[in-house]
Amino acid sequence: MTVERKVFVDKGDECPECHTSDLTTNWKGRMIIIDSENSEIAKKVGVKKAGEYAIKTR
């Protein structure tokens, strides 16, 4: 299974991480990472920073 992850943006029209306005509405769920250093899920999907992420699995 491949997991695509992006920062979840619920306010505004710009990504707070990369400042792009190229956003998508095509996502399947949310993933909230609280402690990225100790999270096995964060390690598997390559998340290095705590936050809320939109995910899509394929």
Foldseek 3Di string as FASTA:
>chain_A
DDKDKDADDPDDQAHPPPRDNPDDPPFDDKDFADDLVPDPVNVVNVNDDGHMITMHDD
